[in-house]
Amino acid sequence: MSKSDMAKLKIKKWLLLDTADLARSFLYF
């Protein structure tokens, strides 16, 4: 695995976590 692939995976993970947090906050309202 190249470094750029690792970075892409990390970014994807962060985006998934961010969207999950957003969805959670929307559901609470």
C-alpha atoms as a PDB file:
ATOM      1  CA  MET A   1       0.000   0.000   0.000  1.00  0.00           C
ATOM      2  CA  SER A   2       1.334   3.411  -0.913  1.00  0.00           C
ATOM      3  CA  LYS A   3       1.262   6.430   1.381  1.00  0.00           C
ATOM      4  CA  SER A   4      -1.348   8.187  -0.776  1.00  0.00           C
ATOM      5  CA  ASP A   5      -3.638   5.164  -0.431  1.00  0.00           C
ATOM      6  CA  MET A   6      -3.278   5.324   3.350  1.00  0.00           C
ATOM      7  CA  ALA A   7      -4.077   9.043   3.305  1.00  0.00           C
ATOM      8  CA  LYS A   8      -7.173   8.414   1.186  1.00  0.00           C
ATOM      9  CA  LEU A   9      -8.369   5.759   3.632  1.00  0.00           C
ATOM     10  CA  LYS A  10      -7.817   8.122   6.564  1.00  0.00           C
ATOM     11  CA  ILE A  11      -9.750  10.912   4.824  1.00  0.00           C
ATOM     12  CA  LYS A  12     -12.582   8.499   4.037  1.00  0.00           C
ATOM     13  CA  LYS A  13     -12.692   7.450   7.700  1.00  0.00           C
ATOM     14  CA  TRP A  14     -12.829  11.069   8.852  1.00  0.00           C
ATOM     15  CA  LEU A  15     -15.572  11.895   6.348  1.00  0.00           C
ATOM     16  CA  LEU A  16     -17.610   8.896   7.486  1.00  0.00           C
ATOM     17  CA  LEU A  17     -17.201   9.920  11.134  1.00  0.00           C
ATOM     18  CA  ASP A  18     -18.138  13.526  10.328  1.00  0.00           C
ATOM     19  CA  THR A  19     -21.273  12.513   8.419  1.00  0.00           C
ATOM     20  CA  ALA A  20     -22.224  10.116  11.220  1.00  0.00           C
ATOM     21  CA  ASP A  21     -21.895  12.941  13.763  1.00  0.00           C
ATOM     22  CA  LEU A  22     -23.947  15.260  11.542  1.00  0.00           C
ATOM     23  CA  ALA A  23     -26.669  12.646  11.097  1.00  0.00           C
ATOM     24  CA  ARG A  24     -26.699  12.031  14.844  1.00  0.00           C
ATOM     25  CA  SER A  25     -27.085  15.734  15.635  1.00  0.00           C
ATOM     26  CA  PHE A  26     -29.861  16.050  13.026  1.00  0.00           C
ATOM     27  CA  LEU A  27     -31.693  13.065  14.506  1.00  0.00           C
ATOM     28  CA  TYR A  28     -31.567  14.626  17.968  1.00  0.00           C
ATOM     29  CA  PHE A  29     -33.263  17.822  16.810  1.00  0.00           C
END
